[in-house]
Amino acid sequence: MKAVVLTGIRQMQLRDVPEPRVEKEMDVLLKVEMVGICGSDLHYYETGRIGRQVVEYPFIIGHECSATVEAIGSSVTRVKVGDEVVVDPAVCCHQCDQCRMGRENTCENLRFLGCPGQGGGCLCEYIIMPQESCFPTAGAITLEQAVLCEPLSIGVYTVKCAQMPDGANVAILGTGPIGLSVLLAAKVEKARKIYVTDKIDTRLEAARGAGATWMGNPNHIDIVSEILTAEPPGLDVVFECCGQQEALDQAFDIIKPGARLVIIGTARQDRISFDVDTFKRKELSIRYIRRQNHCVQAALDLIKSGQVDVDFMITHHFPLEETQKGFDLVAGYHDGVIKAMISV
């Protein structure tokens, strides 16, 4: 089968690799249809690592995908051949301490698509996933929308973990696909006002169309002063979605005492810092999100029901043969890109 393989920093090749086969009774052989380019994929593409997860070349990345069931193991009942499915890229062990606590997203033996040391990715024609990772769409959503169930599930989980009070005023710092997914989920949960920031004006406009109350570019205005003028007590929840120290500093300034800061952005540096005096004086709570937990079906249902519209995030399509062109576009934030899709 064909696969796009990382061979070095910013280096990719289209290669022929062995096709996977159904071997276990709960295996599902999936024909990959669409793959979304995610920020974490870019970390591996541009730097070869995320924290302690270091790529050993050659390696296939990619974890956001939709697929069609090609074959199933003898005990599979959830899907049948021909079904279009959303793919949850995480496979937990169900045995470790974390799994027994209901924290499968921090499973001690987690295997994740396209994660070094865990599993190869989905930038290829076929993958094997267990039945539990396959969520049939019943044709109710498009293949592109099915890809976006993965980032939307992170948005749903993030807002759930934020424990927003009724009628909360919130900020989302960074409006890439994850920040926009948090915005959509916050709207569903009846956030009263949603302040968003980003350094890319086209993404701010996308956030406006998705229901943001106020938009600000920190390159052009003092967002802390502007937000605190509108909300003198500060905000009930702040979501940091870009992995930038600058954004974390701004979050500490605009959040009210006793409130919750939720971090989703993946920082490129190994350490981030906080103003200890502000942290203590405001008695803040901080939650750092690890992917999602049991929210894929919820995300699928939100799209299927029409409660959220994710189509505006899809800005570019590339064939498998032009995957590197797509990665370079997204890495450079060119041409108003939000989510680029690879058609396998």
C-alpha atoms as a PDB file:
ATOM      1  CA  MET A   1       0.000   0.000   0.000  1.00  0.00           C
ATOM      2  CA  LYS A   2       1.019   3.638  -0.371  1.00  0.00           C
ATOM      3  CA  ALA A   3       2.095   5.634   2.647  1.00  0.00           C
ATOM      4  CA  VAL A   4       3.647   9.043   3.288  1.00  0.00           C
ATOM      5  CA  VAL A   5       6.696   8.501   5.469  1.00  0.00           C
ATOM      6  CA  LEU A   6       8.707  11.008   7.498  1.00  0.00           C
ATOM      7  CA  THR A   7      12.360  10.488   6.627  1.00  0.00           C
ATOM      8  CA  GLY A   8      13.897  13.515   8.384  1.00  0.00           C
ATOM      9  CA  ILE A   9      13.173  17.058   9.530  1.00  0.00           C
ATOM     10  CA  ARG A  10      10.760  18.533   6.949  1.00  0.00           C
ATOM     11  CA  GLN A  11      11.363  15.517   4.732  1.00  0.00           C
ATOM     12  CA  MET A  12       8.649  13.171   3.438  1.00  0.00           C
ATOM     13  CA  GLN A  13       8.509  10.411   0.882  1.00  0.00           C
ATOM     14  CA  LEU A  14       5.662   8.474  -0.717  1.00  0.00           C
ATOM     15  CA  ARG A  15       6.564   4.810  -0.312  1.00  0.00           C
ATOM     16  CA  ASP A  16       5.136   1.341  -0.744  1.00  0.00           C
ATOM     17  CA  VAL A  17       4.831  -0.377   2.638  1.00  0.00           C
ATOM     18  CA  PRO A  18       3.256  -3.690   3.732  1.00  0.00           C
ATOM     19  CA  GLU A  19      -0.531  -3.656   3.996  1.00  0.00           C
ATOM     20  CA  PRO A  20      -1.873  -4.573   7.448  1.00  0.00           C
ATOM     21  CA  ARG A  21      -4.045  -7.664   7.900  1.00  0.00           C
ATOM     22  CA  VAL A  22      -6.812  -8.610  10.307  1.00  0.00           C
ATOM     23  CA  GLU A  23      -5.175 -10.869  12.896  1.00  0.00           C
ATOM     24  CA  LYS A  24      -7.238 -10.472  16.088  1.00  0.00           C
ATOM     25  CA  GLU A  25     -10.932 -11.141  16.578  1.00  0.00           C
ATOM     26  CA  MET A  26     -11.670  -7.480  17.432  1.00  0.00           C
ATOM     27  CA  ASP A  27      -9.546  -6.028  14.588  1.00  0.00           C
ATOM     28  CA  VAL A  28     -11.061  -3.730  11.986  1.00  0.00           C
ATOM     29  CA  LEU A  29      -9.229  -3.145   8.709  1.00  0.00           C
ATOM     30  CA  LEU A  30      -9.914   0.416   7.647  1.00  0.00           C
ATOM     31  CA  LYS A  31      -9.482   2.020   4.250  1.00  0.00           C
ATOM     32  CA  VAL A  32      -8.370   5.538   5.135  1.00  0.00           C
ATOM     33  CA  GLU A  33     -10.358   8.186   3.275  1.00  0.00           C
ATOM     34  CA  MET A  34      -9.367  11.607   4.667  1.00  0.00           C
ATOM     35  CA  VAL A  35      -6.611  12.741   7.028  1.00  0.00           C
ATOM     36  CA  GLY A  36      -6.455  16.093   8.790  1.00  0.00           C
ATOM     37  CA  ILE A  37      -3.128  17.836   9.372  1.00  0.00           C
ATOM     38  CA  CYS A  38      -2.896  18.540  13.110  1.00  0.00           C
ATOM     39  CA  GLY A  39      -0.575  20.807  15.068  1.00  0.00           C
ATOM     40  CA  SER A  40       1.053  17.834  16.778  1.00  0.00           C
ATOM     41  CA  ASP A  41       1.824  16.336  13.344  1.00  0.00           C
ATOM     42  CA  LEU A  42       3.609  19.606  12.555  1.00  0.00           C
ATOM     43  CA  HIS A  43       5.761  19.278  15.682  1.00  0.00           C
ATOM     44  CA  TYR A  44       7.026  15.916  14.421  1.00  0.00           C
ATOM     45  CA  TYR A  45       7.445  17.284  10.889  1.00  0.00           C
ATOM     46  CA  GLU A  46       9.342  20.424  11.916  1.00  0.00           C
ATOM     47  CA  THR A  47      11.283  19.269  14.994  1.00  0.00           C
ATOM     48  CA  GLY A  48      11.063  15.468  15.090  1.00  0.00           C
ATOM     49  CA  ARG A  49       9.691  15.390  18.625  1.00  0.00           C
ATOM     50  CA  ILE A  50       7.114  16.402  21.191  1.00  0.00           C
ATOM     51  CA  GLY A  51       8.723  16.313  24.615  1.00  0.00           C
ATOM     52  CA  ARG A  52      10.052  12.801  25.224  1.00  0.00           C
ATOM     53  CA  GLN A  53       8.327  11.434  22.112  1.00  0.00           C
ATOM     54  CA  VAL A  54      11.097  11.430  19.519  1.00  0.00           C
ATOM     55  CA  VAL A  55      10.664  10.192  15.953  1.00  0.00           C
ATOM     56  CA  GLU A  56      12.820   7.305  14.750  1.00  0.00           C
ATOM     57  CA  TYR A  57      12.925   7.546  10.963  1.00  0.00           C
ATOM     58  CA  PRO A  58      11.288   6.389   8.816  1.00  0.00           C
ATOM     59  CA  PHE A  59       7.930   6.960  10.514  1.00  0.00           C
ATOM     60  CA  ILE A  60       4.307   7.449   9.431  1.00  0.00           C
ATOM     61  CA  ILE A  61       2.468  10.261  11.238  1.00  0.00           C
ATOM     62  CA  GLY A  62      -1.174  11.395  11.223  1.00  0.00           C
ATOM     63  CA  HIS A  63      -4.025  10.630  13.619  1.00  0.00           C
ATOM     64  CA  GLU A  64      -7.116  12.593  12.511  1.00  0.00           C
ATOM     65  CA  CYS A  65      -8.913  10.459   9.950  1.00  0.00           C
ATOM     66  CA  SER A  66     -12.128   9.102   8.550  1.00  0.00           C
ATOM     67  CA  ALA A  67     -12.281   5.667   6.994  1.00  0.00           C
ATOM     68  CA  THR A  68     -14.383   2.924   5.423  1.00  0.00           C
ATOM     69  CA  VAL A  69     -14.488  -0.558   6.929  1.00  0.00           C
ATOM     70  CA  GLU A  70     -12.717  -2.990   4.602  1.00  0.00           C
ATOM     71  CA  ALA A  71     -12.695  -6.164   6.720  1.00  0.00           C
ATOM     72  CA  ILE A  72     -13.500  -7.205  10.293  1.00  0.00           C
ATOM     73  CA  GLY A  73     -12.388  -9.750  12.857  1.00  0.00           C
ATOM     74  CA  SER A  74     -14.568 -12.671  13.875  1.00  0.00           C
ATOM     75  CA  SER A  75     -15.986 -10.993  17.012  1.00  0.00           C
ATOM     76  CA  VAL A  76     -16.633  -7.494  15.648  1.00  0.00           C
ATOM     77  CA  THR A  77     -20.288  -6.430  15.938  1.00  0.00           C
ATOM     78  CA  ARG A  78     -20.130  -2.637  16.126  1.00  0.00           C
ATOM     79  CA  VAL A  79     -19.358  -2.085  12.431  1.00  0.00           C
ATOM     80  CA  LYS A  80     -19.697  -3.975   9.187  1.00  0.00           C
ATOM     81  CA  VAL A  81     -17.849  -3.932   5.883  1.00  0.00           C
ATOM     82  CA  GLY A  82     -18.675  -0.772   3.948  1.00  0.00           C
ATOM     83  CA  ASP A  83     -19.454   1.404   6.986  1.00  0.00           C
ATOM     84  CA  GLU A  84     -17.983   4.904   7.070  1.00  0.00           C
ATOM     85  CA  VAL A  85     -16.465   5.580  10.485  1.00  0.00           C
ATOM     86  CA  VAL A  86     -14.920   8.215  12.690  1.00  0.00           C
ATOM     87  CA  VAL A  87     -11.637   6.903  14.083  1.00  0.00           C
ATOM     88  CA  ASP A  88     -10.601   7.468  17.692  1.00  0.00           C
ATOM     89  CA  PRO A  89      -6.793   7.362  17.391  1.00  0.00           C
ATOM     90  CA  ALA A  90      -6.241   6.261  20.996  1.00  0.00           C
ATOM     91  CA  VAL A  91      -6.148   2.625  22.095  1.00  0.00           C
ATOM     92  CA  CYS A  92      -5.977   2.059  25.841  1.00  0.00           C
ATOM     93  CA  CYS A  93      -5.150  -1.135  27.739  1.00  0.00           C
ATOM     94  CA  HIS A  94      -8.202  -1.176  30.095  1.00  0.00           C
ATOM     95  CA  GLN A  95      -5.960  -2.817  32.711  1.00  0.00           C
ATOM     96  CA  CYS A  96      -3.706  -0.161  34.243  1.00  0.00           C
ATOM     97  CA  ASP A  97      -4.409   2.035  37.258  1.00  0.00           C
ATOM     98  CA  GLN A  98      -5.431   4.992  35.075  1.00  0.00           C
ATOM     99  CA  CYS A  99      -7.851   2.950  32.976  1.00  0.00           C
ATOM    100  CA  ARG A 100      -9.457   1.472  36.088  1.00  0.00           C
ATOM    101  CA  MET A 101     -10.022   5.051  37.311  1.00  0.00           C
ATOM    102  CA  GLY A 102     -11.839   5.922  34.080  1.00  0.00           C
ATOM    103  CA  ARG A 103      -8.876   7.959  32.823  1.00  0.00           C
ATOM    104  CA  GLU A 104      -8.228   6.092  29.602  1.00  0.00           C
ATOM    105  CA  ASN A 105      -6.717   9.226  28.052  1.00  0.00           C
ATOM    106  CA  THR A 106      -3.775   8.907  30.478  1.00  0.00           C
ATOM    107  CA  CYS A 107      -3.509   5.128  30.112  1.00  0.00           C
ATOM    108  CA  GLU A 108      -0.064   3.941  31.154  1.00  0.00           C
ATOM    109  CA  ASN A 109       0.126   1.704  28.076  1.00  0.00           C
ATOM    110  CA  LEU A 110      -1.639   3.970  25.583  1.00  0.00           C
ATOM    111  CA  ARG A 111      -1.093   3.383  21.888  1.00  0.00           C
ATOM    112  CA  PHE A 112      -1.883   6.387  19.713  1.00  0.00           C
ATOM    113  CA  LEU A 113      -1.866   6.692  15.933  1.00  0.00           C
ATOM    114  CA  GLY A 114       1.199   8.495  14.632  1.00  0.00           C
ATOM    115  CA  CYS A 115       2.883   8.792  18.034  1.00  0.00           C
ATOM    116  CA  PRO A 116       6.555   7.715  18.290  1.00  0.00           C
ATOM    117  CA  GLY A 117       6.974   4.660  20.478  1.00  0.00           C
ATOM    118  CA  GLN A 118       3.242   3.915  20.370  1.00  0.00           C
ATOM    119  CA  GLY A 119       1.975   3.363  16.840  1.00  0.00           C
ATOM    120  CA  GLY A 120       2.333   4.321  13.219  1.00  0.00           C
ATOM    121  CA  GLY A 121      -0.005   6.933  11.763  1.00  0.00           C
ATOM    122  CA  CYS A 122      -2.818   7.097   9.237  1.00  0.00           C
ATOM    123  CA  LEU A 123      -1.128   8.873   6.305  1.00  0.00           C
ATOM    124  CA  CYS A 124      -1.470   5.640   4.368  1.00  0.00           C
ATOM    125  CA  GLU A 125      -4.104   3.619   2.539  1.00  0.00           C
ATOM    126  CA  TYR A 126      -5.003   1.115   5.288  1.00  0.00           C
ATOM    127  CA  ILE A 127      -4.767   0.839   9.055  1.00  0.00           C
ATOM    128  CA  ILE A 128      -5.877  -1.679  11.664  1.00  0.00           C
ATOM    129  CA  MET A 129      -7.824  -0.392  14.682  1.00  0.00           C
ATOM    130  CA  PRO A 130      -9.808  -2.233  17.353  1.00  0.00           C
ATOM    131  CA  GLN A 131     -13.586  -2.184  17.185  1.00  0.00           C
ATOM    132  CA  GLU A 132     -13.816   0.259  20.103  1.00  0.00           C
ATOM    133  CA  SER A 133     -11.976   2.931  18.083  1.00  0.00           C
ATOM    134  CA  CYS A 134     -14.502   2.861  15.235  1.00  0.00           C
ATOM    135  CA  PHE A 135     -17.604   5.058  15.419  1.00  0.00           C
ATOM    136  CA  PRO A 136     -20.035   4.485  12.526  1.00  0.00           C
ATOM    137  CA  THR A 137     -21.483   7.633  10.987  1.00  0.00           C
ATOM    138  CA  ALA A 138     -24.467   5.930   9.286  1.00  0.00           C
ATOM    139  CA  GLY A 139     -23.826   8.362   6.429  1.00  0.00           C
ATOM    140  CA  ALA A 140     -25.157  11.227   8.551  1.00  0.00           C
ATOM    141  CA  ILE A 141     -21.985  13.315   8.236  1.00  0.00           C
ATOM    142  CA  THR A 142     -19.407  13.799   5.491  1.00  0.00           C
ATOM    143  CA  LEU A 143     -15.967  12.218   5.472  1.00  0.00           C
ATOM    144  CA  GLU A 144     -14.448  15.654   6.093  1.00  0.00           C
ATOM    145  CA  GLN A 145     -16.731  16.239   9.077  1.00  0.00           C
ATOM    146  CA  ALA A 146     -15.802  12.801  10.387  1.00  0.00           C
ATOM    147  CA  VAL A 147     -12.140  13.841  10.447  1.00  0.00           C
ATOM    148  CA  LEU A 148     -13.048  16.902  12.508  1.00  0.00           C
ATOM    149  CA  CYS A 149     -14.729  14.768  15.166  1.00  0.00           C
ATOM    150  CA  GLU A 150     -11.255  14.187  16.639  1.00  0.00           C
ATOM    151  CA  PRO A 151     -10.355  17.845  17.323  1.00  0.00           C
ATOM    152  CA  LEU A 152     -13.977  18.616  18.230  1.00  0.00           C
ATOM    153  CA  SER A 153     -13.911  15.806  20.808  1.00  0.00           C
ATOM    154  CA  ILE A 154     -10.953  17.586  22.434  1.00  0.00           C
ATOM    155  CA  GLY A 155     -12.977  20.807  22.492  1.00  0.00           C
ATOM    156  CA  VAL A 156     -15.943  19.011  24.077  1.00  0.00           C
ATOM    157  CA  TYR A 157     -13.715  17.368  26.699  1.00  0.00           C
ATOM    158  CA  THR A 158     -11.910  20.645  27.423  1.00  0.00           C
ATOM    159  CA  VAL A 159     -15.121  22.557  28.090  1.00  0.00           C
ATOM    160  CA  LYS A 160     -16.397  19.687  30.228  1.00  0.00           C
ATOM    161  CA  CYS A 161     -13.222  19.810  32.337  1.00  0.00           C
ATOM    162  CA  ALA A 162     -13.498  23.607  32.676  1.00  0.00           C
ATOM    163  CA  GLN A 163     -16.653  23.260  34.784  1.00  0.00           C
ATOM    164  CA  MET A 164     -17.937  26.588  33.472  1.00  0.00           C
ATOM    165  CA  PRO A 165     -20.486  28.354  35.674  1.00  0.00           C
ATOM    166  CA  ASP A 166     -23.834  29.167  34.071  1.00  0.00           C
ATOM    167  CA  GLY A 167     -23.574  32.180  31.779  1.00  0.00           C
ATOM    168  CA  ALA A 168     -19.785  32.179  31.979  1.00  0.00           C
ATOM    169  CA  ASN A 169     -17.617  34.838  30.349  1.00  0.00           C
ATOM    170  CA  VAL A 170     -14.606  33.089  28.845  1.00  0.00           C
ATOM    171  CA  ALA A 171     -11.545  33.719  26.717  1.00  0.00           C
ATOM    172  CA  ILE A 172      -9.948  31.469  24.101  1.00  0.00           C
ATOM    173  CA  LEU A 173      -6.335  32.363  23.371  1.00  0.00           C
ATOM    174  CA  GLY A 174      -5.485  30.915  19.974  1.00  0.00           C
ATOM    175  CA  THR A 175      -8.088  30.139  17.310  1.00  0.00           C
ATOM    176  CA  GLY A 176      -6.597  27.315  15.333  1.00  0.00           C
ATOM    177  CA  PRO A 177      -8.705  24.154  14.918  1.00  0.00           C
ATOM    178  CA  ILE A 178      -8.491  23.287  18.631  1.00  0.00           C
ATOM    179  CA  GLY A 179      -9.350  26.805  19.791  1.00  0.00           C
ATOM    180  CA  LEU A 180     -12.253  26.917  17.345  1.00  0.00           C
ATOM    181  CA  SER A 181     -13.416  23.507  18.576  1.00  0.00           C
ATOM    182  CA  VAL A 182     -13.375  24.842  22.146  1.00  0.00           C
ATOM    183  CA  LEU A 183     -15.377  27.845  20.925  1.00  0.00           C
ATOM    184  CA  LEU A 184     -18.042  25.605  19.376  1.00  0.00           C
ATOM    185  CA  ALA A 185     -18.260  23.486  22.519  1.00  0.00           C
ATOM    186  CA  ALA A 186     -18.446  26.567  24.759  1.00  0.00           C
ATOM    187  CA  LYS A 187     -21.335  27.893  22.666  1.00  0.00           C
ATOM    188  CA  VAL A 188     -23.198  24.621  23.130  1.00  0.00           C
ATOM    189  CA  GLU A 189     -22.667  24.925  26.893  1.00  0.00           C
ATOM    190  CA  LYS A 190     -24.209  28.418  26.847  1.00  0.00           C
ATOM    191  CA  ALA A 191     -21.143  30.562  27.527  1.00  0.00           C
ATOM    192  CA  ARG A 192     -22.441  34.146  27.729  1.00  0.00           C
ATOM    193  CA  LYS A 193     -19.504  36.040  26.223  1.00  0.00           C
ATOM    194  CA  ILE A 194     -16.544  34.518  24.397  1.00  0.00           C
ATOM    195  CA  TYR A 195     -13.414  36.614  23.911  1.00  0.00           C
ATOM    196  CA  VAL A 196     -10.906  35.236  21.403  1.00  0.00           C
ATOM    197  CA  THR A 197      -7.367  36.219  20.457  1.00  0.00           C
ATOM    198  CA  ASP A 198      -5.022  35.213  17.672  1.00  0.00           C
ATOM    199  CA  LYS A 199      -2.183  36.730  15.668  1.00  0.00           C
ATOM    200  CA  ILE A 200      -3.810  35.705  12.366  1.00  0.00           C
ATOM    201  CA  ASP A 201      -6.711  37.936  11.379  1.00  0.00           C
ATOM    202  CA  THR A 202      -8.344  35.358   9.079  1.00  0.00           C
ATOM    203  CA  ARG A 203      -8.668  33.005  12.042  1.00  0.00           C
ATOM    204  CA  LEU A 204     -10.244  35.764  14.109  1.00  0.00           C
ATOM    205  CA  GLU A 205     -12.782  36.268  11.341  1.00  0.00           C
ATOM    206  CA  ALA A 206     -13.495  32.531  11.387  1.00  0.00           C
ATOM    207  CA  ALA A 207     -14.066  32.772  15.141  1.00  0.00           C
ATOM    208  CA  ARG A 208     -16.428  35.705  14.593  1.00  0.00           C
ATOM    209  CA  GLY A 209     -18.474  33.603  12.196  1.00  0.00           C
ATOM    210  CA  ALA A 210     -18.556  30.758  14.730  1.00  0.00           C
ATOM    211  CA  GLY A 211     -20.049  32.994  17.412  1.00  0.00           C
ATOM    212  CA  ALA A 212     -17.221  34.765  19.226  1.00  0.00           C
ATOM    213  CA  THR A 213     -18.309  37.920  21.068  1.00  0.00           C
ATOM    214  CA  TRP A 214     -15.038  39.841  20.755  1.00  0.00           C
ATOM    215  CA  MET A 215     -11.865  39.320  18.720  1.00  0.00           C
ATOM    216  CA  GLY A 216      -8.404  40.772  19.285  1.00  0.00           C
ATOM    217  CA  ASN A 217      -4.977  40.456  17.671  1.00  0.00           C
ATOM    218  CA  PRO A 218      -2.204  40.895  20.285  1.00  0.00           C
ATOM    219  CA  ASN A 219       0.092  42.188  17.530  1.00  0.00           C
ATOM    220  CA  HIS A 220      -2.192  45.185  17.065  1.00  0.00           C
ATOM    221  CA  ILE A 221      -3.848  45.931  20.411  1.00  0.00           C
ATOM    222  CA  ASP A 222      -3.331  45.515  24.136  1.00  0.00           C
ATOM    223  CA  ILE A 223      -5.714  42.615  24.587  1.00  0.00           C
ATOM    224  CA  VAL A 224      -5.357  42.565  28.382  1.00  0.00           C
ATOM    225  CA  SER A 225      -6.399  46.208  28.675  1.00  0.00           C
ATOM    226  CA  GLU A 226      -9.241  45.780  26.172  1.00  0.00           C
ATOM    227  CA  ILE A 227     -10.688  42.692  27.849  1.00  0.00           C
ATOM    228  CA  LEU A 228     -10.412  44.062  31.384  1.00  0.00           C
ATOM    229  CA  THR A 229     -12.092  47.301  30.269  1.00  0.00           C
ATOM    230  CA  ALA A 230     -15.034  45.210  29.060  1.00  0.00           C
ATOM    231  CA  GLU A 231     -14.883  42.774  32.002  1.00  0.00           C
ATOM    232  CA  PRO A 232     -13.365  44.592  35.032  1.00  0.00           C
ATOM    233  CA  PRO A 233     -13.679  41.603  37.410  1.00  0.00           C
ATOM    234  CA  GLY A 234     -11.893  39.355  34.899  1.00  0.00           C
ATOM    235  CA  LEU A 235     -13.123  36.223  33.160  1.00  0.00           C
ATOM    236  CA  ASP A 236     -14.629  33.054  34.606  1.00  0.00           C
ATOM    237  CA  VAL A 237     -12.545  30.650  32.502  1.00  0.00           C
ATOM    238  CA  VAL A 238      -9.582  31.136  30.169  1.00  0.00           C
ATOM    239  CA  PHE A 239      -8.619  28.495  27.584  1.00  0.00           C
ATOM    240  CA  GLU A 240      -5.003  28.665  26.392  1.00  0.00           C
ATOM    241  CA  CYS A 241      -4.983  26.974  22.986  1.00  0.00           C
ATOM    242  CA  CYS A 242      -1.750  28.050  21.300  1.00  0.00           C
ATOM    243  CA  GLY A 243       1.080  26.816  23.542  1.00  0.00           C
ATOM    244  CA  GLN A 244       2.706  30.246  23.869  1.00  0.00           C
ATOM    245  CA  GLN A 245       4.253  31.725  27.023  1.00  0.00           C
ATOM    246  CA  GLU A 246       2.939  35.131  25.998  1.00  0.00           C
ATOM    247  CA  ALA A 247      -0.608  33.787  25.971  1.00  0.00           C
ATOM    248  CA  LEU A 248      -0.178  32.191  29.398  1.00  0.00           C
ATOM    249  CA  ASP A 249       0.992  35.515  30.802  1.00  0.00           C
ATOM    250  CA  GLN A 250      -2.056  37.224  29.324  1.00  0.00           C
ATOM    251  CA  ALA A 251      -4.307  34.507  30.751  1.00  0.00           C
ATOM    252  CA  PHE A 252      -3.093  35.248  34.288  1.00  0.00           C
ATOM    253  CA  ASP A 253      -3.899  38.919  33.783  1.00  0.00           C
ATOM    254  CA  ILE A 254      -7.433  38.533  32.422  1.00  0.00           C
ATOM    255  CA  ILE A 255      -8.722  35.747  34.667  1.00  0.00           C
ATOM    256  CA  LYS A 256     -10.673  36.562  37.815  1.00  0.00           C
ATOM    257  CA  PRO A 257      -9.681  35.293  41.290  1.00  0.00           C
ATOM    258  CA  GLY A 258     -10.842  31.769  42.041  1.00  0.00           C
ATOM    259  CA  ALA A 259     -11.307  30.984  38.360  1.00  0.00           C
ATOM    260  CA  ARG A 260      -9.924  28.183  36.216  1.00  0.00           C
ATOM    261  CA  LEU A 261      -7.224  28.308  33.547  1.00  0.00           C
ATOM    262  CA  VAL A 262      -7.434  25.400  31.114  1.00  0.00           C
ATOM    263  CA  ILE A 263      -4.368  24.726  28.962  1.00  0.00           C
ATOM    264  CA  ILE A 264      -4.697  22.789  25.727  1.00  0.00           C
ATOM    265  CA  GLY A 265      -1.897  24.206  23.580  1.00  0.00           C
ATOM    266  CA  THR A 266       1.221  22.069  23.086  1.00  0.00           C
ATOM    267  CA  ALA A 267       4.261  24.184  23.920  1.00  0.00           C
ATOM    268  CA  ARG A 268       7.401  23.669  21.874  1.00  0.00           C
ATOM    269  CA  GLN A 269       9.649  24.481  24.815  1.00  0.00           C
ATOM    270  CA  ASP A 270      10.156  21.953  27.613  1.00  0.00           C
ATOM    271  CA  ARG A 271       9.091  24.337  30.383  1.00  0.00           C
ATOM    272  CA  ILE A 272       6.538  27.094  30.869  1.00  0.00           C
ATOM    273  CA  SER A 273       6.395  29.547  33.769  1.00  0.00           C
ATOM    274  CA  PHE A 274       3.815  31.307  35.914  1.00  0.00           C
ATOM    275  CA  ASP A 275       3.809  34.505  37.921  1.00  0.00           C
ATOM    276  CA  VAL A 276       3.758  32.900  41.354  1.00  0.00           C
ATOM    277  CA  ASP A 277       2.456  36.019  43.121  1.00  0.00           C
ATOM    278  CA  THR A 278      -0.535  36.301  40.773  1.00  0.00           C
ATOM    279  CA  PHE A 279      -1.105  32.547  40.903  1.00  0.00           C
ATOM    280  CA  LYS A 280      -1.334  32.634  44.702  1.00  0.00           C
ATOM    281  CA  ARG A 281      -3.086  35.994  45.052  1.00  0.00           C
ATOM    282  CA  LYS A 282      -5.864  34.956  42.683  1.00  0.00           C
ATOM    283  CA  GLU A 283      -5.974  31.383  44.038  1.00  0.00           C
ATOM    284  CA  LEU A 284      -6.248  30.003  40.533  1.00  0.00           C
ATOM    285  CA  SER A 285      -6.950  26.444  39.442  1.00  0.00           C
ATOM    286  CA  ILE A 286      -5.090  25.105  36.397  1.00  0.00           C
ATOM    287  CA  ARG A 287      -6.022  22.069  34.313  1.00  0.00           C
ATOM    288  CA  TYR A 288      -3.768  20.814  31.504  1.00  0.00           C
ATOM    289  CA  ILE A 289      -5.765  18.765  28.987  1.00  0.00           C
ATOM    290  CA  ARG A 290      -4.508  15.437  27.682  1.00  0.00           C
ATOM    291  CA  ARG A 291      -6.348  14.760  24.419  1.00  0.00           C
ATOM    292  CA  GLN A 292      -9.928  13.654  25.266  1.00  0.00           C
ATOM    293  CA  ASN A 293     -11.795  11.007  27.194  1.00  0.00           C
ATOM    294  CA  HIS A 294     -15.053   9.382  26.005  1.00  0.00           C
ATOM    295  CA  CYS A 295     -16.097  12.406  23.903  1.00  0.00           C
ATOM    296  CA  VAL A 296     -15.824  11.144  20.312  1.00  0.00           C
ATOM    297  CA  GLN A 297     -19.443  10.018  20.121  1.00  0.00           C
ATOM    298  CA  ALA A 298     -20.560  13.302  21.683  1.00  0.00           C
ATOM    299  CA  ALA A 299     -18.652  15.227  19.020  1.00  0.00           C
ATOM    300  CA  LEU A 300     -20.127  13.082  16.255  1.00  0.00           C
ATOM    301  CA  ASP A 301     -23.628  13.636  17.642  1.00  0.00           C
ATOM    302  CA  LEU A 302     -23.144  17.413  17.820  1.00  0.00           C
ATOM    303  CA  ILE A 303     -22.238  17.538  14.136  1.00  0.00           C
ATOM    304  CA  LYS A 304     -24.948  15.076  13.108  1.00  0.00           C
ATOM    305  CA  SER A 305     -27.641  17.003  14.969  1.00  0.00           C
ATOM    306  CA  GLY A 306     -26.587  20.327  13.466  1.00  0.00           C
ATOM    307  CA  GLN A 307     -25.820  21.835  16.875  1.00  0.00           C
ATOM    308  CA  VAL A 308     -22.369  22.733  15.608  1.00  0.00           C
ATOM    309  CA  ASP A 309     -21.120  23.540  12.115  1.00  0.00           C
ATOM    310  CA  VAL A 310     -17.492  22.530  11.558  1.00  0.00           C
ATOM    311  CA  ASP A 311     -17.361  22.956   7.787  1.00  0.00           C
ATOM    312  CA  PHE A 312     -15.926  26.492   7.994  1.00  0.00           C
ATOM    313  CA  MET A 313     -12.682  25.061   9.397  1.00  0.00           C
ATOM    314  CA  ILE A 314     -11.978  23.033   6.256  1.00  0.00           C
ATOM    315  CA  THR A 315      -9.981  25.335   4.006  1.00  0.00           C
ATOM    316  CA  HIS A 316      -7.682  23.165   1.864  1.00  0.00           C
ATOM    317  CA  HIS A 317      -7.515  19.710   0.249  1.00  0.00           C
ATOM    318  CA  PHE A 318      -4.454  17.838  -1.058  1.00  0.00           C
ATOM    319  CA  PRO A 319      -4.024  14.386  -2.612  1.00  0.00           C
ATOM    320  CA  LEU A 320      -1.779  11.914  -0.784  1.00  0.00           C
ATOM    321  CA  GLU A 321       0.998  12.594  -3.293  1.00  0.00           C
ATOM    322  CA  GLU A 322       1.055  16.284  -2.244  1.00  0.00           C
ATOM    323  CA  THR A 323       1.068  15.716   1.520  1.00  0.00           C
ATOM    324  CA  GLN A 324       4.324  17.608   2.031  1.00  0.00           C
ATOM    325  CA  LYS A 325       2.907  20.589   0.163  1.00  0.00           C
ATOM    326  CA  GLY A 326       0.002  20.541   2.610  1.00  0.00           C
ATOM    327  CA  PHE A 327       2.313  20.341   5.622  1.00  0.00           C
ATOM    328  CA  ASP A 328       4.395  23.256   4.381  1.00  0.00           C
ATOM    329  CA  LEU A 329       1.249  25.322   3.852  1.00  0.00           C
ATOM    330  CA  VAL A 330      -0.019  24.644   7.377  1.00  0.00           C
ATOM    331  CA  ALA A 331       3.413  25.114   8.971  1.00  0.00           C
ATOM    332  CA  GLY A 332       3.708  28.538   7.356  1.00  0.00           C
ATOM    333  CA  TYR A 333       0.093  29.562   8.121  1.00  0.00           C
ATOM    334  CA  HIS A 334      -0.261  30.466   4.436  1.00  0.00           C
ATOM    335  CA  ASP A 335      -3.361  31.265   2.386  1.00  0.00           C
ATOM    336  CA  GLY A 336      -5.716  31.571   5.367  1.00  0.00           C
ATOM    337  CA  VAL A 337      -5.359  27.880   6.207  1.00  0.00           C
ATOM    338  CA  ILE A 338      -7.227  26.518   9.217  1.00  0.00           C
ATOM    339  CA  LYS A 339      -7.601  22.808   8.525  1.00  0.00           C
ATOM    340  CA  ALA A 340      -5.976  21.111   5.543  1.00  0.00           C
ATOM    341  CA  MET A 341      -7.211  17.679   4.508  1.00  0.00           C
ATOM    342  CA  ILE A 342      -5.291  14.930   2.749  1.00  0.00           C
ATOM    343  CA  SER A 343      -7.441  12.786   0.441  1.00  0.00           C
ATOM    344  CA  VAL A 344      -6.090   9.247   0.546  1.00  0.00           C
END
